[in-house]
Amino acid sequence: MLRRPLFWGVVLLAAALAATLAGDDLSFFPFLLMLVGGWCFGFAFVGLTLRMPNRTGVPLHIGVAVVLAALMIVVVEFAGPWLATLSEPVRAVVVVLQMAAIPAAGWIWLGLLSRVTSVMSRRDAAKRPAPVLRTWERAPSGDGSELRVDAVEMRMRALTLAIVGMILPAGLVAFVLMVVFDDLAMRLGPRIVIIALGLLVGLPVYFVFTACARRRSVPTVIEFGNDELRLTVGSVHHRVPYRDLDRLLWRPRSDYARIEVRAEGVDLSLLLGLVTPPRGVERGLPGLPKRAFRRLELAGLSVDRSRRDEVVTFSRPDTRSSSAPGRDARRSATPS
């Protein structure tokens, strides 16, 4: 629940509404809550349409983007006299929704722009050989399979905080720009303002974030041997016997493609979806080797499969904290 943007959107807009009803009308704090809350709704909606089949997701995306932009224009241009007749609580709700709609609509339109560029990219790609998915190779030791990728060592919590850390300064910059260029913004109208803020603020922040992610990526080797998992992250080597493994998450698809490994002395989260793959290589990971499934199950791990993004999670039913006293030192999995 805490990782769902829709949940945080509801919480932030409720807090903004409470602050507005308390008389803190459009000061910096509630205004920031409205912007971030609205972005959470836009982010959740775009993610929903991207998970849908194109025959339903694309029309829904286009329809909501057009209707939301038209509704904002109507409210700004013609709803002034009507809003003046409303009671204070109702007017506060309208103000919160109106301000939250700005970043939501901006993100939705940016998502739509991403769809268009993706279609154009696919047309260009049709003229080139189709990218191929990474495949498992025989490990040099002859013991199992290996995969070589570039990954960013980062937890999902850190990624979420990084995204929020981008949104807050971007919202502040957008607020300052709207205040400084208030007269120009009123003449241009909300639609042009949203597009301008997306180009001037949203895209640079996105490019900076992806560039930082690429700089933090390191060569990574993942090996599933007969009896152990071997990970080489940069210059650090880890050897985790399957019998000592507490949790393994393998997510081969989406922007959050990653592998998580948890055992005594090892707690890794390697994000691969943030790193642009080499030319001719498809984004994402191959499925786990079939042989690894059997070996992990024989080691006492239970498997949980999710159809969404083909996520596979192995966990030990009697998993104990890595800091629990009395755990056998022979079961530690330390970097070599």
C-alpha atoms as a PDB file:
ATOM      1  CA  MET A   1       0.000   0.000   0.000  1.00  0.00           C
ATOM      2  CA  LEU A   2       2.767   2.464   0.955  1.00  0.00           C
ATOM      3  CA  ARG A   3       4.466   1.953  -2.418  1.00  0.00           C
ATOM      4  CA  ARG A   4       1.346   2.828  -4.407  1.00  0.00           C
ATOM      5  CA  PRO A   5       1.273   6.388  -5.787  1.00  0.00           C
ATOM      6  CA  LEU A   6      -2.537   6.407  -5.737  1.00  0.00           C
ATOM      7  CA  PHE A   7      -2.496   5.944  -1.956  1.00  0.00           C
ATOM      8  CA  TRP A   8      -0.046   8.814  -1.471  1.00  0.00           C
ATOM      9  CA  GLY A   9      -2.045  11.004  -3.844  1.00  0.00           C
ATOM     10  CA  VAL A  10      -5.141  10.582  -1.687  1.00  0.00           C
ATOM     11  CA  VAL A  11      -3.155  11.252   1.506  1.00  0.00           C
ATOM     12  CA  LEU A  12      -1.440  14.379   0.158  1.00  0.00           C
ATOM     13  CA  LEU A  13      -4.595  15.892  -1.326  1.00  0.00           C
ATOM     14  CA  ALA A  14      -6.493  15.190   1.892  1.00  0.00           C
ATOM     15  CA  ALA A  15      -3.752  16.997   3.833  1.00  0.00           C
ATOM     16  CA  ALA A  16      -3.839  19.896   1.348  1.00  0.00           C
ATOM     17  CA  LEU A  17      -7.626  20.122   1.683  1.00  0.00           C
ATOM     18  CA  ALA A  18      -7.386  20.110   5.479  1.00  0.00           C
ATOM     19  CA  ALA A  19      -4.795  22.914   5.395  1.00  0.00           C
ATOM     20  CA  THR A  20      -6.914  24.916   2.946  1.00  0.00           C
ATOM     21  CA  LEU A  21     -10.066  24.540   5.049  1.00  0.00           C
ATOM     22  CA  ALA A  22      -8.046  25.652   8.090  1.00  0.00           C
ATOM     23  CA  GLY A  23      -7.433  28.969   6.354  1.00  0.00           C
ATOM     24  CA  ASP A  24      -3.968  28.299   4.921  1.00  0.00           C
ATOM     25  CA  ASP A  25      -5.215  29.053   1.420  1.00  0.00           C
ATOM     26  CA  LEU A  26      -2.621  28.563  -1.329  1.00  0.00           C
ATOM     27  CA  SER A  27       0.430  29.130   0.861  1.00  0.00           C
ATOM     28  CA  PHE A  28       3.567  27.231  -0.033  1.00  0.00           C
ATOM     29  CA  PHE A  29       2.989  24.061   2.028  1.00  0.00           C
ATOM     30  CA  PRO A  30      -0.556  23.181   0.880  1.00  0.00           C
ATOM     31  CA  PHE A  31       0.336  24.265  -2.656  1.00  0.00           C
ATOM     32  CA  LEU A  32       3.254  21.829  -2.657  1.00  0.00           C
ATOM     33  CA  LEU A  33       0.982  19.068  -1.321  1.00  0.00           C
ATOM     34  CA  MET A  34      -1.453  19.736  -4.173  1.00  0.00           C
ATOM     35  CA  LEU A  35       1.298  19.534  -6.788  1.00  0.00           C
ATOM     36  CA  VAL A  36       2.864  16.320  -5.475  1.00  0.00           C
ATOM     37  CA  GLY A  37      -0.532  14.732  -4.811  1.00  0.00           C
ATOM     38  CA  GLY A  38      -1.714  15.556  -8.309  1.00  0.00           C
ATOM     39  CA  TRP A  39       1.482  14.121  -9.775  1.00  0.00           C
ATOM     40  CA  CYS A  40       0.877  10.890  -7.828  1.00  0.00           C
ATOM     41  CA  PHE A  41      -2.560  10.556  -9.456  1.00  0.00           C
ATOM     42  CA  GLY A  42      -1.107  11.237 -12.910  1.00  0.00           C
ATOM     43  CA  PHE A  43       1.720   8.756 -12.306  1.00  0.00           C
ATOM     44  CA  ALA A  44      -0.726   6.067 -11.169  1.00  0.00           C
ATOM     45  CA  PHE A  45      -2.981   6.625 -14.183  1.00  0.00           C
ATOM     46  CA  VAL A  46      -0.146   6.494 -16.723  1.00  0.00           C
ATOM     47  CA  GLY A  47       1.182   3.323 -15.116  1.00  0.00           C
ATOM     48  CA  LEU A  48      -2.294   1.784 -15.310  1.00  0.00           C
ATOM     49  CA  THR A  49      -2.656   2.512 -19.034  1.00  0.00           C
ATOM     50  CA  LEU A  50       0.836   1.191 -19.764  1.00  0.00           C
ATOM     51  CA  ARG A  51      -0.056  -2.121 -18.115  1.00  0.00           C
ATOM     52  CA  MET A  52      -3.205  -2.425 -20.247  1.00  0.00           C
ATOM     53  CA  PRO A  53      -3.256  -3.876 -23.766  1.00  0.00           C
ATOM     54  CA  ASN A  54      -2.707  -1.142 -26.359  1.00  0.00           C
ATOM     55  CA  ARG A  55      -6.196  -1.513 -27.802  1.00  0.00           C
ATOM     56  CA  THR A  56      -7.668  -0.316 -24.479  1.00  0.00           C
ATOM     57  CA  GLY A  57      -4.803   1.538 -22.819  1.00  0.00           C
ATOM     58  CA  VAL A  58      -4.066   3.940 -25.688  1.00  0.00           C
ATOM     59  CA  PRO A  59      -7.677   5.155 -26.226  1.00  0.00           C
ATOM     60  CA  LEU A  60      -8.154   5.532 -22.477  1.00  0.00           C
ATOM     61  CA  HIS A  61      -4.902   7.491 -22.180  1.00  0.00           C
ATOM     62  CA  ILE A  62      -5.793   9.813 -25.059  1.00  0.00           C
ATOM     63  CA  GLY A  63      -9.372  10.293 -23.880  1.00  0.00           C
ATOM     64  CA  VAL A  64      -8.466  11.207 -20.301  1.00  0.00           C
ATOM     65  CA  ALA A  65      -5.660  13.526 -21.467  1.00  0.00           C
ATOM     66  CA  VAL A  66      -7.994  15.426 -23.826  1.00  0.00           C
ATOM     67  CA  VAL A  67     -10.929  15.559 -21.387  1.00  0.00           C
ATOM     68  CA  LEU A  68      -8.745  16.688 -18.484  1.00  0.00           C
ATOM     69  CA  ALA A  69      -7.114  19.450 -20.567  1.00  0.00           C
ATOM     70  CA  ALA A  70     -10.505  20.620 -21.870  1.00  0.00           C
ATOM     71  CA  LEU A  71     -11.985  20.593 -18.357  1.00  0.00           C
ATOM     72  CA  MET A  72      -9.101  22.705 -17.040  1.00  0.00           C
ATOM     73  CA  ILE A  73      -9.551  25.230 -19.825  1.00  0.00           C
ATOM     74  CA  VAL A  74     -13.298  25.477 -19.179  1.00  0.00           C
ATOM     75  CA  VAL A  75     -12.813  25.939 -15.438  1.00  0.00           C
ATOM     76  CA  VAL A  76     -10.131  28.620 -15.876  1.00  0.00           C
ATOM     77  CA  GLU A  77     -11.901  30.542 -18.636  1.00  0.00           C
ATOM     78  CA  PHE A  78     -15.588  30.293 -17.781  1.00  0.00           C
ATOM     79  CA  ALA A  79     -16.136  28.951 -14.264  1.00  0.00           C
ATOM     80  CA  GLY A  80     -15.070  32.060 -12.336  1.00  0.00           C
ATOM     81  CA  PRO A  81     -18.577  33.469 -11.677  1.00  0.00           C
ATOM     82  CA  TRP A  82     -19.890  30.016 -10.788  1.00  0.00           C
ATOM     83  CA  LEU A  83     -17.070  29.369  -8.311  1.00  0.00           C
ATOM     84  CA  ALA A  84     -17.827  32.680  -6.579  1.00  0.00           C
ATOM     85  CA  THR A  85     -21.313  31.421  -5.679  1.00  0.00           C
ATOM     86  CA  LEU A  86     -20.027  28.301  -3.894  1.00  0.00           C
ATOM     87  CA  SER A  87     -19.609  27.946  -0.168  1.00  0.00           C
ATOM     88  CA  GLU A  88     -16.130  28.093   1.317  1.00  0.00           C
ATOM     89  CA  PRO A  89     -15.720  24.306   1.918  1.00  0.00           C
ATOM     90  CA  VAL A  90     -16.882  23.435  -1.611  1.00  0.00           C
ATOM     91  CA  ARG A  91     -14.684  26.159  -3.082  1.00  0.00           C
ATOM     92  CA  ALA A  92     -11.690  24.760  -1.157  1.00  0.00           C
ATOM     93  CA  VAL A  93     -12.293  21.310  -2.649  1.00  0.00           C
ATOM     94  CA  VAL A  94     -12.497  22.814  -6.152  1.00  0.00           C
ATOM     95  CA  VAL A  95      -9.275  24.789  -5.619  1.00  0.00           C
ATOM     96  CA  VAL A  96      -7.399  21.691  -4.400  1.00  0.00           C
ATOM     97  CA  LEU A  97      -8.609  19.614  -7.354  1.00  0.00           C
ATOM     98  CA  GLN A  98      -7.881  22.423  -9.814  1.00  0.00           C
ATOM     99  CA  MET A  99      -4.294  22.867  -8.641  1.00  0.00           C
ATOM    100  CA  ALA A 100      -3.696  19.091  -8.405  1.00  0.00           C
ATOM    101  CA  ALA A 101      -4.956  18.681 -11.974  1.00  0.00           C
ATOM    102  CA  ILE A 102      -2.045  20.757 -13.303  1.00  0.00           C
ATOM    103  CA  PRO A 103       0.806  18.278 -12.526  1.00  0.00           C
ATOM    104  CA  ALA A 104      -1.521  15.318 -13.129  1.00  0.00           C
ATOM    105  CA  ALA A 105      -2.394  16.568 -16.611  1.00  0.00           C
ATOM    106  CA  GLY A 106       1.228  17.455 -17.285  1.00  0.00           C
ATOM    107  CA  TRP A 107       2.409  13.936 -16.407  1.00  0.00           C
ATOM    108  CA  ILE A 108      -0.408  12.353 -18.411  1.00  0.00           C
ATOM    109  CA  TRP A 109       0.510  14.427 -21.470  1.00  0.00           C
ATOM    110  CA  LEU A 110       4.192  13.590 -20.995  1.00  0.00           C
ATOM    111  CA  GLY A 111       3.203   9.925 -20.881  1.00  0.00           C
ATOM    112  CA  LEU A 112       1.234  10.404 -24.081  1.00  0.00           C
ATOM    113  CA  LEU A 113       4.257  12.061 -25.661  1.00  0.00           C
ATOM    114  CA  SER A 114       6.311   9.061 -24.556  1.00  0.00           C
ATOM    115  CA  ARG A 115       3.828   6.765 -26.310  1.00  0.00           C
ATOM    116  CA  VAL A 116       4.137   8.766 -29.532  1.00  0.00           C
ATOM    117  CA  THR A 117       7.937   8.731 -29.435  1.00  0.00           C
ATOM    118  CA  SER A 118       7.819   5.021 -28.634  1.00  0.00           C
ATOM    119  CA  VAL A 119       5.692   4.388 -31.733  1.00  0.00           C
ATOM    120  CA  MET A 120       8.114   6.421 -33.833  1.00  0.00           C
ATOM    121  CA  SER A 121      11.023   4.515 -32.333  1.00  0.00           C
ATOM    122  CA  ARG A 122       9.356   1.209 -33.174  1.00  0.00           C
ATOM    123  CA  ARG A 123       8.867   2.356 -36.755  1.00  0.00           C
ATOM    124  CA  ASP A 124      12.543   3.218 -36.961  1.00  0.00           C
ATOM    125  CA  ALA A 125      13.408  -0.060 -35.272  1.00  0.00           C
ATOM    126  CA  ALA A 126      11.397  -1.943 -37.885  1.00  0.00           C
ATOM    127  CA  LYS A 127      14.045  -0.903 -40.381  1.00  0.00           C
ATOM    128  CA  ARG A 128      16.749  -2.367 -38.141  1.00  0.00           C
ATOM    129  CA  PRO A 129      17.168  -5.869 -36.772  1.00  0.00           C
ATOM    130  CA  ALA A 130      14.885  -6.449 -33.806  1.00  0.00           C
ATOM    131  CA  PRO A 131      16.652  -6.251 -30.434  1.00  0.00           C
ATOM    132  CA  VAL A 132      17.275  -9.576 -28.783  1.00  0.00           C
ATOM    133  CA  LEU A 133      16.720 -10.497 -25.164  1.00  0.00           C
ATOM    134  CA  ARG A 134      19.748 -11.377 -23.092  1.00  0.00           C
ATOM    135  CA  THR A 135      20.381 -15.097 -22.828  1.00  0.00           C
ATOM    136  CA  TRP A 136      22.064 -17.252 -20.232  1.00  0.00           C
ATOM    137  CA  GLU A 137      25.528 -18.528 -21.025  1.00  0.00           C
ATOM    138  CA  ARG A 138      27.522 -21.393 -19.641  1.00  0.00           C
ATOM    139  CA  ALA A 139      29.556 -20.244 -16.632  1.00  0.00           C
ATOM    140  CA  PRO A 140      33.343 -20.329 -17.221  1.00  0.00           C
ATOM    141  CA  SER A 141      33.664 -22.730 -14.296  1.00  0.00           C
ATOM    142  CA  GLY A 142      31.284 -25.116 -16.046  1.00  0.00           C
ATOM    143  CA  ASP A 143      29.063 -24.984 -12.975  1.00  0.00           C
ATOM    144  CA  GLY A 144      25.691 -23.549 -14.002  1.00  0.00           C
ATOM    145  CA  SER A 145      24.726 -20.454 -16.027  1.00  0.00           C
ATOM    146  CA  GLU A 146      25.838 -16.836 -15.981  1.00  0.00           C
ATOM    147  CA  LEU A 147      24.437 -13.498 -17.140  1.00  0.00           C
ATOM    148  CA  ARG A 148      26.388 -10.262 -17.643  1.00  0.00           C
ATOM    149  CA  VAL A 149      24.503  -6.973 -17.223  1.00  0.00           C
ATOM    150  CA  ASP A 150      24.938  -3.405 -16.018  1.00  0.00           C
ATOM    151  CA  ALA A 151      23.038  -2.620 -12.827  1.00  0.00           C
ATOM    152  CA  VAL A 152      22.573   0.099 -10.213  1.00  0.00           C
ATOM    153  CA  GLU A 153      22.831  -0.991  -6.589  1.00  0.00           C
ATOM    154  CA  MET A 154      19.799   0.735  -5.107  1.00  0.00           C
ATOM    155  CA  ARG A 155      16.831  -0.271  -2.990  1.00  0.00           C
ATOM    156  CA  MET A 156      13.278   0.474  -4.071  1.00  0.00           C
ATOM    157  CA  ARG A 157      12.861   2.698  -1.022  1.00  0.00           C
ATOM    158  CA  ALA A 158      15.871   4.761  -2.113  1.00  0.00           C
ATOM    159  CA  LEU A 159      14.484   4.953  -5.649  1.00  0.00           C
ATOM    160  CA  THR A 160      11.140   6.185  -4.319  1.00  0.00           C
ATOM    161  CA  LEU A 161      12.871   8.831  -2.205  1.00  0.00           C
ATOM    162  CA  ALA A 162      14.952   9.876  -5.218  1.00  0.00           C
ATOM    163  CA  ILE A 163      11.804  10.325  -7.313  1.00  0.00           C
ATOM    164  CA  VAL A 164      10.156  12.356  -4.546  1.00  0.00           C
ATOM    165  CA  GLY A 165      13.387  14.326  -4.202  1.00  0.00           C
ATOM    166  CA  MET A 166      13.116  15.224  -7.890  1.00  0.00           C
ATOM    167  CA  ILE A 167       9.434  16.130  -7.740  1.00  0.00           C
ATOM    168  CA  LEU A 168       9.724  18.519  -4.776  1.00  0.00           C
ATOM    169  CA  PRO A 169      12.419  20.801  -6.288  1.00  0.00           C
ATOM    170  CA  ALA A 170      10.717  20.594  -9.679  1.00  0.00           C
ATOM    171  CA  GLY A 171       7.416  21.631  -8.081  1.00  0.00           C
ATOM    172  CA  LEU A 172       9.159  24.509  -6.332  1.00  0.00           C
ATOM    173  CA  VAL A 173      10.760  25.665  -9.589  1.00  0.00           C
ATOM    174  CA  ALA A 174       7.402  25.409 -11.376  1.00  0.00           C
ATOM    175  CA  PHE A 175       5.774  27.431  -8.589  1.00  0.00           C
ATOM    176  CA  VAL A 176       8.436  30.141  -8.805  1.00  0.00           C
ATOM    177  CA  LEU A 177       8.122  30.306 -12.590  1.00  0.00           C
ATOM    178  CA  MET A 178       4.333  30.629 -12.372  1.00  0.00           C
ATOM    179  CA  VAL A 179       4.656  33.429  -9.808  1.00  0.00           C
ATOM    180  CA  VAL A 180       7.345  35.307 -11.737  1.00  0.00           C
ATOM    181  CA  PHE A 181       5.587  34.967 -15.085  1.00  0.00           C
ATOM    182  CA  ASP A 182       2.048  35.219 -13.736  1.00  0.00           C
ATOM    183  CA  ASP A 183       0.801  37.651 -16.381  1.00  0.00           C
ATOM    184  CA  LEU A 184       2.300  35.628 -19.229  1.00  0.00           C
ATOM    185  CA  ALA A 185       0.855  32.393 -17.822  1.00  0.00           C
ATOM    186  CA  MET A 186      -2.626  33.915 -17.640  1.00  0.00           C
ATOM    187  CA  ARG A 187      -2.418  35.027 -21.265  1.00  0.00           C
ATOM    188  CA  LEU A 188      -1.101  31.696 -22.536  1.00  0.00           C
ATOM    189  CA  GLY A 189      -3.694  29.570 -20.763  1.00  0.00           C
ATOM    190  CA  PRO A 190      -3.296  26.373 -18.721  1.00  0.00           C
ATOM    191  CA  ARG A 191      -2.640  24.037 -21.646  1.00  0.00           C
ATOM    192  CA  ILE A 192       0.364  25.963 -22.942  1.00  0.00           C
ATOM    193  CA  VAL A 193       1.619  26.491 -19.383  1.00  0.00           C
ATOM    194  CA  ILE A 194       1.505  22.753 -18.672  1.00  0.00           C
ATOM    195  CA  ILE A 195       3.406  21.936 -21.869  1.00  0.00           C
ATOM    196  CA  ALA A 196       5.964  24.674 -21.162  1.00  0.00           C
ATOM    197  CA  LEU A 197       6.529  23.477 -17.588  1.00  0.00           C
ATOM    198  CA  GLY A 198       6.910  19.912 -18.834  1.00  0.00           C
ATOM    199  CA  LEU A 199       9.553  20.971 -21.366  1.00  0.00           C
ATOM    200  CA  LEU A 200      11.361  23.475 -19.118  1.00  0.00           C
ATOM    201  CA  VAL A 201      11.189  21.596 -15.811  1.00  0.00           C
ATOM    202  CA  GLY A 202       9.967  18.017 -16.258  1.00  0.00           C
ATOM    203  CA  LEU A 203      12.198  16.839 -19.098  1.00  0.00           C
ATOM    204  CA  PRO A 204      15.474  18.294 -17.703  1.00  0.00           C
ATOM    205  CA  VAL A 205      14.798  16.654 -14.331  1.00  0.00           C
ATOM    206  CA  TYR A 206      14.094  13.326 -16.046  1.00  0.00           C
ATOM    207  CA  PHE A 207      17.260  13.521 -18.141  1.00  0.00           C
ATOM    208  CA  VAL A 208      19.367  14.427 -15.092  1.00  0.00           C
ATOM    209  CA  PHE A 209      17.936  11.480 -13.168  1.00  0.00           C
ATOM    210  CA  THR A 210      18.592   8.963 -15.949  1.00  0.00           C
ATOM    211  CA  ALA A 211      22.111  10.355 -16.459  1.00  0.00           C
ATOM    212  CA  CYS A 212      22.855   9.948 -12.737  1.00  0.00           C
ATOM    213  CA  ALA A 213      21.524   6.383 -12.863  1.00  0.00           C
ATOM    214  CA  ARG A 214      23.775   5.550 -15.812  1.00  0.00           C
ATOM    215  CA  ARG A 215      26.810   6.957 -14.004  1.00  0.00           C
ATOM    216  CA  ARG A 216      26.099   4.767 -10.963  1.00  0.00           C
ATOM    217  CA  SER A 217      25.741   1.577 -12.997  1.00  0.00           C
ATOM    218  CA  VAL A 218      28.444  -1.056 -12.637  1.00  0.00           C
ATOM    219  CA  PRO A 219      29.165  -4.269 -14.567  1.00  0.00           C
ATOM    220  CA  THR A 220      27.441  -7.156 -12.840  1.00  0.00           C
ATOM    221  CA  VAL A 221      27.765 -10.903 -13.307  1.00  0.00           C
ATOM    222  CA  ILE A 222      24.989 -13.186 -12.050  1.00  0.00           C
ATOM    223  CA  GLU A 223      25.788 -16.897 -11.833  1.00  0.00           C
ATOM    224  CA  PHE A 224      23.465 -19.689 -10.770  1.00  0.00           C
ATOM    225  CA  GLY A 225      25.690 -22.637  -9.979  1.00  0.00           C
ATOM    226  CA  ASN A 226      24.773 -26.136  -8.905  1.00  0.00           C
ATOM    227  CA  ASP A 227      24.736 -25.304  -5.208  1.00  0.00           C
ATOM    228  CA  GLU A 228      25.252 -21.548  -4.887  1.00  0.00           C
ATOM    229  CA  LEU A 229      24.460 -18.134  -6.292  1.00  0.00           C
ATOM    230  CA  ARG A 230      27.502 -16.090  -7.274  1.00  0.00           C
ATOM    231  CA  LEU A 231      27.264 -12.317  -7.766  1.00  0.00           C
ATOM    232  CA  THR A 232      30.006  -9.985  -8.950  1.00  0.00           C
ATOM    233  CA  VAL A 233      29.008  -6.336  -8.534  1.00  0.00           C
ATOM    234  CA  GLY A 234      31.814  -4.163  -9.814  1.00  0.00           C
ATOM    235  CA  SER A 235      34.853  -5.508  -7.968  1.00  0.00           C
ATOM    236  CA  VAL A 236      32.909  -7.093  -5.090  1.00  0.00           C
ATOM    237  CA  HIS A 237      32.239 -10.840  -5.193  1.00  0.00           C
ATOM    238  CA  HIS A 238      29.499 -12.635  -3.258  1.00  0.00           C
ATOM    239  CA  ARG A 239      28.971 -16.377  -2.895  1.00  0.00           C
ATOM    240  CA  VAL A 240      25.621 -17.422  -1.420  1.00  0.00           C
ATOM    241  CA  PRO A 241      24.936 -21.145  -0.988  1.00  0.00           C
ATOM    242  CA  TYR A 242      21.298 -21.919  -1.786  1.00  0.00           C
ATOM    243  CA  ARG A 243      20.820 -23.460   1.662  1.00  0.00           C
ATOM    244  CA  ASP A 244      21.739 -20.074   3.213  1.00  0.00           C
ATOM    245  CA  LEU A 245      19.540 -17.989   0.931  1.00  0.00           C
ATOM    246  CA  ASP A 246      16.641 -16.286   2.731  1.00  0.00           C
ATOM    247  CA  ARG A 247      15.037 -14.441  -0.174  1.00  0.00           C
ATOM    248  CA  LEU A 248      15.551 -14.054  -3.909  1.00  0.00           C
ATOM    249  CA  LEU A 249      13.386 -11.783  -6.070  1.00  0.00           C
ATOM    250  CA  TRP A 250      13.720 -11.893  -9.855  1.00  0.00           C
ATOM    251  CA  ARG A 251      11.776  -9.220 -11.786  1.00  0.00           C
ATOM    252  CA  PRO A 252      12.709  -9.405 -15.479  1.00  0.00           C
ATOM    253  CA  ARG A 253      10.316  -6.785 -16.900  1.00  0.00           C
ATOM    254  CA  SER A 254       9.319  -3.097 -16.502  1.00  0.00           C
ATOM    255  CA  ASP A 255      11.347  -0.047 -15.498  1.00  0.00           C
ATOM    256  CA  TYR A 256      11.768  -1.660 -12.071  1.00  0.00           C
ATOM    257  CA  ALA A 257      13.455  -4.812 -13.408  1.00  0.00           C
ATOM    258  CA  ARG A 258      15.754  -5.970 -10.644  1.00  0.00           C
ATOM    259  CA  ILE A 259      17.187  -8.793  -8.585  1.00  0.00           C
ATOM    260  CA  GLU A 260      17.078  -8.791  -4.794  1.00  0.00           C
ATOM    261  CA  VAL A 261      19.187 -11.182  -2.740  1.00  0.00           C
ATOM    262  CA  ARG A 262      18.989 -11.530   1.021  1.00  0.00           C
ATOM    263  CA  ALA A 263      21.079 -13.913   3.116  1.00  0.00           C
ATOM    264  CA  GLU A 264      23.387 -13.856   6.103  1.00  0.00           C
ATOM    265  CA  GLY A 265      25.897 -11.087   5.355  1.00  0.00           C
ATOM    266  CA  VAL A 266      24.366 -10.226   1.954  1.00  0.00           C
ATOM    267  CA  ASP A 267      21.521  -7.801   1.312  1.00  0.00           C
ATOM    268  CA  LEU A 268      21.571  -6.621  -2.308  1.00  0.00           C
ATOM    269  CA  SER A 269      19.073  -4.874  -4.556  1.00  0.00           C
ATOM    270  CA  LEU A 270      20.311  -4.476  -8.138  1.00  0.00           C
ATOM    271  CA  LEU A 271      18.155  -2.341 -10.437  1.00  0.00           C
ATOM    272  CA  LEU A 272      18.532  -3.018 -14.141  1.00  0.00           C
ATOM    273  CA  GLY A 273      15.498  -1.183 -15.513  1.00  0.00           C
ATOM    274  CA  LEU A 274      17.184   2.182 -14.924  1.00  0.00           C
ATOM    275  CA  VAL A 275      20.128   1.336 -17.189  1.00  0.00           C
ATOM    276  CA  THR A 276      19.849   1.681 -20.956  1.00  0.00           C
ATOM    277  CA  PRO A 277      20.865  -1.650 -22.518  1.00  0.00           C
ATOM    278  CA  PRO A 278      23.493  -1.877 -25.261  1.00  0.00           C
ATOM    279  CA  ARG A 279      22.384  -1.296 -28.822  1.00  0.00           C
ATOM    280  CA  GLY A 280      20.566  -4.287 -30.229  1.00  0.00           C
ATOM    281  CA  VAL A 281      19.769  -5.712 -26.779  1.00  0.00           C
ATOM    282  CA  GLU A 282      16.213  -5.667 -25.457  1.00  0.00           C
ATOM    283  CA  ARG A 283      15.552  -4.037 -22.091  1.00  0.00           C
ATOM    284  CA  GLY A 284      14.943  -6.547 -19.326  1.00  0.00           C
ATOM    285  CA  LEU A 285      16.164  -9.917 -18.152  1.00  0.00           C
ATOM    286  CA  PRO A 286      15.600 -13.483 -19.301  1.00  0.00           C
ATOM    287  CA  GLY A 287      13.652 -15.833 -17.096  1.00  0.00           C
ATOM    288  CA  LEU A 288      15.473 -17.814 -14.436  1.00  0.00           C
ATOM    289  CA  PRO A 289      17.183 -20.983 -15.679  1.00  0.00           C
ATOM    290  CA  LYS A 290      14.920 -24.015 -15.226  1.00  0.00           C
ATOM    291  CA  ARG A 291      17.708 -25.831 -13.478  1.00  0.00           C
ATOM    292  CA  ALA A 292      17.951 -23.018 -10.900  1.00  0.00           C
ATOM    293  CA  PHE A 293      14.259 -23.437 -10.024  1.00  0.00           C
ATOM    294  CA  ARG A 294      14.804 -27.069  -9.065  1.00  0.00           C
ATOM    295  CA  ARG A 295      17.991 -26.355  -7.132  1.00  0.00           C
ATOM    296  CA  LEU A 296      16.363 -23.544  -5.133  1.00  0.00           C
ATOM    297  CA  GLU A 297      13.329 -25.669  -4.288  1.00  0.00           C
ATOM    298  CA  LEU A 298      15.562 -28.526  -3.165  1.00  0.00           C
ATOM    299  CA  ALA A 299      17.308 -26.034  -0.860  1.00  0.00           C
ATOM    300  CA  GLY A 300      14.009 -25.524   1.012  1.00  0.00           C
ATOM    301  CA  LEU A 301      12.859 -22.277  -0.624  1.00  0.00           C
ATOM    302  CA  SER A 302       9.213 -21.756  -1.524  1.00  0.00           C
ATOM    303  CA  VAL A 303       8.394 -20.036  -4.817  1.00  0.00           C
ATOM    304  CA  ASP A 304       5.765 -17.382  -5.480  1.00  0.00           C
ATOM    305  CA  ARG A 305       5.029 -16.410  -9.093  1.00  0.00           C
ATOM    306  CA  SER A 306       3.286 -13.222 -10.186  1.00  0.00           C
ATOM    307  CA  ARG A 307       1.887 -12.804 -13.680  1.00  0.00           C
ATOM    308  CA  ARG A 308       2.531  -9.086 -13.471  1.00  0.00           C
ATOM    309  CA  ASP A 309       5.949  -8.495 -15.035  1.00  0.00           C
ATOM    310  CA  GLU A 310       6.724 -12.220 -14.524  1.00  0.00           C
ATOM    311  CA  VAL A 311       8.015 -11.628 -10.995  1.00  0.00           C
ATOM    312  CA  VAL A 312       9.387 -14.719  -9.235  1.00  0.00           C
ATOM    313  CA  THR A 313      10.128 -14.661  -5.504  1.00  0.00           C
ATOM    314  CA  PHE A 314      11.884 -17.409  -3.574  1.00  0.00           C
ATOM    315  CA  SER A 315      11.689 -17.215   0.201  1.00  0.00           C
ATOM    316  CA  ARG A 316      12.436 -19.427   3.144  1.00  0.00           C
ATOM    317  CA  PRO A 317       9.375 -20.052   5.323  1.00  0.00           C
ATOM    318  CA  ASP A 318      11.464 -20.000   8.512  1.00  0.00           C
ATOM    319  CA  THR A 319      13.464 -16.906   7.493  1.00  0.00           C
ATOM    320  CA  ARG A 320      15.141 -15.325  10.467  1.00  0.00           C
ATOM    321  CA  SER A 321      16.672 -11.913  10.841  1.00  0.00           C
ATOM    322  CA  SER A 322      20.236 -11.727   9.657  1.00  0.00           C
ATOM    323  CA  SER A 323      21.102 -10.233  13.044  1.00  0.00           C
ATOM    324  CA  ALA A 324      19.433 -13.024  15.050  1.00  0.00           C
ATOM    325  CA  PRO A 325      21.847 -14.347  17.700  1.00  0.00           C
ATOM    326  CA  GLY A 326      22.956 -17.924  17.609  1.00  0.00           C
ATOM    327  CA  ARG A 327      22.749 -18.399  13.870  1.00  0.00           C
ATOM    328  CA  ASP A 328      25.324 -20.902  12.673  1.00  0.00           C
ATOM    329  CA  ALA A 329      28.412 -19.046  11.492  1.00  0.00           C
ATOM    330  CA  ARG A 330      28.910 -21.729   8.853  1.00  0.00           C
ATOM    331  CA  ARG A 331      25.768 -20.439   7.076  1.00  0.00           C
ATOM    332  CA  SER A 332      27.097 -16.925   6.584  1.00  0.00           C
ATOM    333  CA  ALA A 333      27.396 -15.718   2.997  1.00  0.00           C
ATOM    334  CA  THR A 334      30.146 -13.134   2.957  1.00  0.00           C
ATOM    335  CA  PRO A 335      31.812 -11.312   0.045  1.00  0.00           C
ATOM    336  CA  SER A 336      34.892 -13.098  -1.210  1.00  0.00           C
END
